[in-house]
Amino acid sequence: MRKNGRSFIIRLKRLPWLVKHWACSIRPMHFPEPPASMSSISEPAPDPMSREATGTVTAWFAGLTNFSSAEYRWVGERLVARDTADQPEPARRGGLSELIVRHVYADHNSSRAVRQALAPLLADLDRDGARKGLNFGCGTMEFHDRIINLDVQNTETVDIVSDGGRIPLKDASVDLIITQEVLEHIGDYRSALSELERVLKPGGRIYCQLPFQIGFHPGPYDFYRFSRHGITELFDGPAWSINQVGISVGHGTALYRIAVEFFAVTASAIHQTLYKPAKGLTAILLYPLKWFDGLGERSAERDRIAGGYFVVATRTHLPEAQKG
C-alpha cells in the first residue's frame, strides 16, 4: 500500500501544473480518443537487427511478410494496404490536449495491472533476440524494437497501415501479440482474432485487453464491451490455453470515464462548443476517482463495474489449414 500511496502523491502533484496550463490555453481543445496502446515499459539495449541499429525496418520485417501486390505495397519502410495508400499522414497531435489524454484521461493502458501483465512478455523478447512481436492497433506508441506496429492510421510509428482484415504476415511468424482495446472497434472481431491466431507461432502468447464499463468511444466505430466471462470466452477453444485473466482498470476508472463524459455532455447541452473544454477540465479534476481501483481489488464484487479486462493466452496448436 505504501507504493500505491507514493504513486497517488506523485500523480496528485501533476494536477496544479496541468490546471495552470489548461487555464492558459486559448486554443480550442482537440480531445482525441484514447490511444490503443501504452508507452514503452522497458528500455532494451538495441538489438543488432532492430530498426534503431540498422536504420531500416526491412532488415528483418520484410522476411516475415506474405501478401499480394493487389493488397499491399511498400511505401518507404512501411507496408501500406492499397485501400489506404493515399491516406494522408495526420497532423502530429501535441500540446495540452495530447498531454491530458495520454497522462490523465487515457492512462488506463498503462495501469499497474497492465504493466505487471506485460512486463514478463516483453522481457521474453529481450532474452531471445530471435523473437518478434506484433502490436495490433498500436496507435502512436511503440513497446519494443522487435515488435511490428500495425494500425489503420498512417503515422510515423506504424510499420503496417491496415484495418487488420488481412494481416500481411506469414503463418506462425511472430512470438508475441499485443492488442489493447482494439477488438471492440471491429464489427467482425472473431475474424480479426482468427487472423491473430494465424500469425502467432504455436507456443506464442497474446495479450488482449478490452473495455467493459466505459462510454462510447468511436475509432471510427465502437461495437462491443466485454465482461470477465466475455473476454474469457474469446479464448475458450482448442487453439488457446489461458494463462491469466485480470482486471486492467477497476471500478474507480469506470466511474471516472463515465463521470467525465456526464459533465462534458451536460455542458454541451448548454452550448456544443463547451463539450471539449468541459471534458478536459473534468478529466483533471476527477482524476482522484481512479485511485479507488486499488481499493476495489479487495472486494469480492470487483467485477460488477470494472473498467476493463485483459487476458494472456498461449497458442497451443497449429490449425489444420497450416499443417503439412
Protein backbone atom coordinates (compact mmCIF):
# COMPACT_ATOMS: atom_id res chain seq x y z
CA MET A 1 0.00 0.00 0.00
CA ARG A 2 2.96 2.37 0.58
CA LYS A 3 3.98 2.00 -3.04
CA ASN A 4 0.46 2.84 -4.20
CA GLY A 5 0.38 5.81 -1.85
CA ARG A 6 3.57 7.24 -3.29
CA SER A 7 2.13 6.80 -6.77
CA PHE A 8 -1.02 8.68 -5.77
CA ILE A 9 1.05 11.58 -4.34
CA ILE A 10 3.17 11.81 -7.47
CA ARG A 11 0.06 11.91 -9.68
CA LEU A 12 -1.60 14.46 -7.39
CA LYS A 13 1.41 16.78 -7.74
CA ARG A 14 0.80 16.88 -11.51
CA LEU A 15 -2.66 18.37 -11.16
CA PRO A 16 -1.81 22.02 -10.31
CA TRP A 17 0.59 22.17 -13.26
CA LEU A 18 -1.98 20.70 -15.63
CA VAL A 19 -4.73 23.03 -14.38
CA LYS A 20 -2.45 26.05 -14.79
CA HIS A 21 -1.61 25.15 -18.38
CA TRP A 22 -5.22 24.32 -19.18
CA ALA A 23 -6.31 27.73 -17.93
CA CYS A 24 -3.64 29.45 -20.02
CA SER A 25 -4.60 27.63 -23.19
CA ILE A 26 -6.55 29.82 -25.58
CA ARG A 27 -6.74 27.37 -28.47
CA PRO A 28 -9.85 25.26 -28.98
CA MET A 29 -9.14 21.93 -27.36
CA HIS A 30 -8.98 18.95 -29.67
CA PHE A 31 -9.70 15.92 -27.48
CA PRO A 32 -8.84 12.74 -29.40
CA GLU A 33 -9.98 9.33 -28.27
CA PRO A 34 -7.59 7.28 -26.12
CA PRO A 35 -4.70 5.61 -27.90
CA ALA A 36 -4.99 1.84 -28.14
CA SER A 37 -1.62 1.29 -26.64
CA MET A 38 0.75 2.49 -24.00
CA SER A 39 4.29 3.83 -23.80
CA SER A 40 7.29 1.54 -23.62
CA ILE A 41 7.56 -0.43 -20.42
CA SER A 42 11.25 -1.14 -20.78
CA GLU A 43 14.27 0.36 -22.49
CA PRO A 44 16.03 -2.67 -24.03
CA ALA A 45 19.51 -2.39 -25.48
CA PRO A 46 19.48 -2.02 -29.28
CA ASP A 47 19.29 -5.39 -30.99
CA PRO A 48 21.67 -5.95 -33.94
CA MET A 49 18.65 -6.47 -36.20
CA SER A 50 16.48 -3.69 -34.75
CA ARG A 51 15.37 -0.65 -36.70
CA GLU A 52 17.47 1.52 -34.37
CA ALA A 53 20.65 -0.37 -35.21
CA THR A 54 20.04 -0.81 -38.94
CA GLY A 55 18.14 2.35 -39.76
CA THR A 56 15.56 0.35 -41.68
CA VAL A 57 12.70 -1.88 -40.67
CA THR A 58 13.07 -4.08 -43.75
CA ALA A 59 16.30 -5.65 -42.41
CA TRP A 60 14.07 -8.10 -40.51
CA PHE A 61 10.47 -7.09 -41.15
CA ALA A 62 10.35 -7.93 -44.88
CA GLY A 63 11.26 -11.54 -44.23
CA LEU A 64 8.10 -12.01 -42.14
CA THR A 65 5.69 -10.67 -44.74
CA ASN A 66 3.34 -12.51 -47.07
CA PHE A 67 0.96 -10.50 -49.26
CA SER A 68 -0.19 -9.90 -52.81
CA SER A 69 0.61 -6.72 -54.70
CA ALA A 70 -3.12 -6.20 -55.13
CA GLU A 71 -3.49 -5.89 -51.34
CA TYR A 72 -0.36 -4.09 -50.15
CA ARG A 73 2.64 -2.16 -51.35
CA TRP A 74 5.83 -0.86 -49.77
CA VAL A 75 5.88 2.88 -49.17
CA GLY A 76 9.35 3.60 -47.86
CA GLU A 77 9.77 1.47 -44.75
CA ARG A 78 6.04 0.88 -44.31
CA LEU A 79 3.76 -1.73 -45.76
CA VAL A 80 0.54 0.03 -46.73
CA ALA A 81 -2.79 -1.51 -47.68
CA ARG A 82 -3.87 -0.46 -51.16
CA ASP A 83 -7.17 0.94 -49.91
CA THR A 84 -5.31 3.23 -47.50
CA ALA A 85 -2.25 4.00 -49.65
CA ASP A 86 -3.42 7.51 -50.47
CA GLN A 87 -4.42 8.31 -46.91
CA PRO A 88 -2.55 11.46 -45.82
CA GLU A 89 -0.41 11.29 -42.74
CA PRO A 90 -2.38 13.01 -39.98
CA ALA A 91 -1.09 16.14 -38.36
CA ARG A 92 1.03 15.47 -35.32
CA ARG A 93 -1.00 16.00 -32.17
CA GLY A 94 0.67 17.96 -29.43
CA GLY A 95 0.24 20.49 -26.72
CA LEU A 96 -2.01 20.40 -23.72
CA SER A 97 -4.74 18.27 -25.28
CA GLU A 98 -2.41 15.36 -26.01
CA LEU A 99 -0.82 15.72 -22.59
CA ILE A 100 -4.16 15.38 -20.81
CA VAL A 101 -5.24 12.43 -22.94
CA ARG A 102 -2.03 10.46 -22.58
CA HIS A 103 -1.17 11.13 -18.95
CA VAL A 104 -4.56 11.76 -17.33
CA TYR A 105 -7.71 10.69 -19.17
CA ALA A 106 -6.40 7.65 -21.07
CA ASP A 107 -3.61 6.37 -18.84
CA HIS A 108 -5.61 3.18 -18.23
CA ASN A 109 -3.50 1.41 -20.86
CA SER A 110 -0.52 1.80 -18.54
CA SER A 111 -2.22 0.93 -15.27
CA ARG A 112 -0.31 -1.02 -12.65
CA ALA A 113 -2.14 -4.24 -13.56
CA VAL A 114 -1.37 -3.74 -17.27
CA ARG A 115 2.31 -3.05 -16.63
CA GLN A 116 2.63 -6.13 -14.45
CA ALA A 117 0.98 -8.34 -17.06
CA LEU A 118 3.05 -7.02 -19.98
CA ALA A 119 6.45 -6.89 -18.25
CA PRO A 120 7.26 -10.64 -18.46
CA LEU A 121 6.03 -10.84 -22.05
CA LEU A 122 8.34 -8.03 -23.15
CA ALA A 123 11.16 -9.47 -21.08
CA ASP A 124 10.94 -12.65 -23.19
CA LEU A 125 11.78 -10.57 -26.27
CA ASP A 126 14.87 -9.24 -24.52
CA ARG A 127 16.05 -12.71 -23.51
CA ASP A 128 15.83 -14.11 -27.04
CA GLY A 129 16.93 -11.87 -29.90
CA ALA A 130 15.19 -14.10 -32.44
CA ARG A 131 11.73 -13.41 -31.04
CA LYS A 132 9.43 -10.97 -32.83
CA GLY A 133 6.07 -9.46 -31.94
CA LEU A 134 3.05 -7.64 -33.35
CA ASN A 135 1.21 -4.71 -31.78
CA PHE A 136 -2.24 -4.95 -33.36
CA GLY A 137 -3.79 -1.47 -33.20
CA CYS A 138 -0.68 0.28 -31.93
CA GLY A 139 -1.91 3.87 -32.03
CA THR A 140 1.10 6.18 -31.73
CA MET A 141 3.20 4.16 -29.29
CA GLU A 142 5.94 1.56 -29.52
CA PHE A 143 6.66 -1.19 -27.00
CA HIS A 144 9.85 -2.71 -28.37
CA ASP A 145 12.18 -2.51 -31.36
CA ARG A 146 11.28 -6.06 -32.42
CA ILE A 147 7.53 -5.52 -32.32
CA ILE A 148 5.85 -4.69 -35.64
CA ASN A 149 3.31 -1.90 -35.25
CA LEU A 150 0.03 -2.22 -37.16
CA ASP A 151 -2.65 0.45 -37.20
CA VAL A 152 -5.27 1.87 -39.52
CA GLN A 153 -3.75 5.36 -39.19
CA ASN A 154 -0.64 6.20 -41.20
CA THR A 155 1.57 7.70 -38.50
CA GLU A 156 5.32 7.70 -38.05
CA THR A 157 5.31 4.86 -35.50
CA VAL A 158 3.36 2.46 -37.76
CA ASP A 159 5.02 -0.30 -39.82
CA ILE A 160 1.86 -1.77 -41.39
CA VAL A 161 -1.01 0.53 -42.35
CA SER A 162 -4.08 -1.68 -42.43
CA ASP A 163 -7.51 -2.19 -40.95
CA GLY A 164 -6.34 -5.64 -39.84
CA GLY A 165 -8.73 -7.57 -42.06
CA ARG A 166 -5.86 -9.46 -43.70
CA ILE A 167 -2.57 -9.17 -41.81
CA PRO A 168 0.28 -9.29 -44.38
CA LEU A 169 2.46 -11.64 -42.34
CA LYS A 170 3.34 -15.28 -42.82
CA ASP A 171 1.59 -18.01 -40.87
CA ALA A 172 3.14 -18.58 -37.42
CA SER A 173 5.58 -15.69 -37.88
CA VAL A 174 5.51 -13.86 -34.53
CA ASP A 175 6.07 -14.92 -30.92
CA LEU A 176 4.01 -12.25 -29.16
CA ILE A 177 0.88 -10.26 -29.97
CA ILE A 178 -0.30 -7.24 -28.01
CA THR A 179 -3.70 -5.71 -28.66
CA GLN A 180 -5.11 -3.08 -26.31
CA GLU A 181 -8.75 -2.03 -26.61
CA VAL A 182 -8.97 -2.73 -30.35
CA LEU A 183 -11.35 -5.65 -30.95
CA GLU A 184 -14.36 -3.70 -29.65
CA HIS A 185 -13.92 -1.38 -32.66
CA ILE A 186 -14.08 -4.23 -35.20
CA GLY A 187 -17.50 -5.44 -36.30
CA ASP A 188 -16.31 -8.97 -37.13
CA TYR A 189 -13.94 -9.26 -34.20
CA ARG A 190 -13.86 -13.07 -34.40
CA SER A 191 -12.35 -12.93 -37.89
CA ALA A 192 -9.76 -10.50 -36.59
CA LEU A 193 -8.97 -12.87 -33.74
CA SER A 194 -8.59 -15.72 -36.24
CA GLU A 195 -6.02 -13.65 -38.14
CA LEU A 196 -4.09 -13.06 -34.93
CA GLU A 197 -4.19 -16.80 -34.25
CA ARG A 198 -2.87 -17.46 -37.77
CA VAL A 199 0.23 -15.26 -37.47
CA LEU A 200 1.10 -16.33 -33.89
CA LYS A 201 3.51 -19.23 -33.50
CA PRO A 202 2.48 -22.30 -31.52
CA GLY A 203 3.71 -21.59 -28.01
CA GLY A 204 3.50 -17.86 -28.67
CA ARG A 205 1.46 -15.66 -26.37
CA ILE A 206 -1.15 -12.97 -26.82
CA TYR A 207 -2.04 -10.11 -24.50
CA CYS A 208 -5.58 -8.92 -25.26
CA GLN A 209 -7.13 -6.01 -23.37
CA LEU A 210 -10.77 -4.96 -23.76
CA PRO A 211 -13.11 -2.44 -22.09
CA PHE A 212 -16.17 -3.26 -20.00
CA GLN A 213 -17.72 -0.24 -18.24
CA ILE A 214 -16.68 2.83 -20.21
CA GLY A 215 -18.51 5.22 -22.51
CA PHE A 216 -18.85 5.29 -26.28
CA HIS A 217 -15.50 5.99 -27.96
CA PRO A 218 -15.65 5.63 -31.75
CA GLY A 219 -12.44 4.89 -33.55
CA PRO A 220 -14.08 5.22 -36.05
CA TYR A 221 -16.68 2.71 -34.74
CA ASP A 222 -17.41 1.25 -31.31
CA PHE A 223 -19.40 -2.01 -31.22
CA TYR A 224 -18.80 -4.12 -28.13
CA ARG A 225 -17.99 -4.41 -24.42
CA PHE A 226 -16.61 -7.49 -22.65
CA SER A 227 -17.16 -8.76 -19.12
CA ARG A 228 -14.80 -11.23 -17.46
CA HIS A 229 -16.93 -14.02 -18.92
CA GLY A 230 -16.91 -12.36 -22.34
CA ILE A 231 -13.14 -11.94 -22.67
CA THR A 232 -12.57 -15.47 -21.32
CA GLU A 233 -14.98 -16.93 -23.89
CA LEU A 234 -12.94 -15.39 -26.73
CA PHE A 235 -10.05 -17.71 -25.89
CA ASP A 236 -12.09 -20.72 -24.79
CA GLY A 237 -11.13 -23.14 -27.53
CA PRO A 238 -8.58 -25.79 -28.52
CA ALA A 239 -6.26 -23.23 -30.12
CA TRP A 240 -5.66 -21.39 -26.84
CA SER A 241 -4.57 -22.06 -23.30
CA ILE A 242 -5.49 -19.20 -20.97
CA ASN A 243 -2.67 -18.22 -18.62
CA GLN A 244 -4.22 -15.24 -16.87
CA VAL A 245 -7.40 -13.17 -16.79
CA GLY A 246 -7.38 -9.94 -14.84
CA ILE A 247 -8.91 -6.51 -14.38
CA SER A 248 -6.98 -3.89 -16.34
CA VAL A 249 -8.71 -0.98 -14.58
CA GLY A 250 -11.28 -1.17 -11.82
CA HIS A 251 -14.47 0.49 -10.67
CA GLY A 252 -12.76 3.80 -9.95
CA THR A 253 -11.63 4.26 -13.54
CA ALA A 254 -15.02 3.07 -14.80
CA LEU A 255 -16.80 5.75 -12.75
CA TYR A 256 -14.18 8.33 -13.78
CA ARG A 257 -14.61 7.76 -17.52
CA ILE A 258 -18.41 7.88 -17.29
CA ALA A 259 -18.43 10.91 -14.96
CA VAL A 260 -16.13 12.88 -17.27
CA GLU A 261 -18.49 12.22 -20.17
CA PHE A 262 -21.51 13.04 -17.99
CA PHE A 263 -20.28 16.54 -17.23
CA ALA A 264 -18.97 17.12 -20.77
CA VAL A 265 -22.28 16.07 -22.34
CA THR A 266 -24.20 18.20 -19.82
CA ALA A 267 -22.04 21.21 -20.69
CA SER A 268 -22.63 20.60 -24.40
CA ALA A 269 -26.37 20.86 -23.77
CA ILE A 270 -25.76 24.49 -22.83
CA HIS A 271 -23.56 25.05 -25.88
CA GLN A 272 -21.93 22.48 -28.17
CA THR A 273 -18.56 24.22 -28.02
CA LEU A 274 -18.36 23.54 -24.27
CA TYR A 275 -18.03 19.77 -24.70
CA LYS A 276 -14.27 19.57 -25.22
CA PRO A 277 -13.22 22.23 -22.67
CA ALA A 278 -15.53 20.64 -20.08
CA LYS A 279 -14.12 17.21 -20.84
CA GLY A 280 -10.56 18.46 -20.43
CA LEU A 281 -11.28 20.23 -17.15
CA THR A 282 -13.26 17.39 -15.56
CA ALA A 283 -10.65 14.87 -16.74
CA ILE A 284 -8.19 16.68 -14.47
CA LEU A 285 -10.47 17.47 -11.54
CA LEU A 286 -12.00 13.98 -11.29
CA TYR A 287 -8.72 12.10 -11.65
CA PRO A 288 -8.63 11.01 -7.97
CA LEU A 289 -11.59 8.72 -8.69
CA LYS A 290 -9.13 6.38 -10.39
CA TRP A 291 -7.36 5.79 -7.11
CA PHE A 292 -10.32 3.71 -5.92
CA ASP A 293 -9.18 0.96 -8.32
CA GLY A 294 -6.69 -0.21 -5.71
CA LEU A 295 -9.39 -0.43 -3.06
CA GLY A 296 -11.65 -2.41 -5.37
CA GLU A 297 -9.03 -5.15 -5.68
CA ARG A 298 -10.00 -6.24 -2.16
CA SER A 299 -13.68 -6.64 -2.99
CA ALA A 300 -15.31 -9.92 -3.92
CA GLU A 301 -17.70 -7.82 -6.07
CA ARG A 302 -14.93 -6.14 -8.09
CA ASP A 303 -16.29 -7.49 -11.39
CA ARG A 304 -19.59 -5.60 -11.06
CA ILE A 305 -18.40 -2.38 -12.72
CA ALA A 306 -14.77 -3.00 -13.66
CA GLY A 307 -13.46 -0.62 -16.30
CA GLY A 308 -11.92 -3.39 -18.38
CA TYR A 309 -10.16 -6.74 -18.52
CA PHE A 310 -7.10 -8.38 -20.03
CA VAL A 311 -6.26 -11.96 -20.90
CA VAL A 312 -2.89 -13.58 -21.51
CA ALA A 313 -3.16 -16.79 -23.54
CA THR A 314 -0.78 -19.22 -25.24
CA ARG A 315 -1.44 -20.63 -28.67
CA THR A 316 -1.46 -24.37 -28.17
CA HIS A 317 -1.56 -25.98 -31.60
CA LEU A 318 -1.21 -25.37 -35.31
CA PRO A 319 -4.60 -25.22 -37.09
CA GLU A 320 -5.19 -27.97 -39.66
CA ALA A 321 -5.06 -25.49 -42.56
CA GLN A 322 -1.46 -24.63 -41.64
CA LYS A 323 -0.17 -28.19 -41.15
CA GLY A 324 1.90 -30.04 -43.70
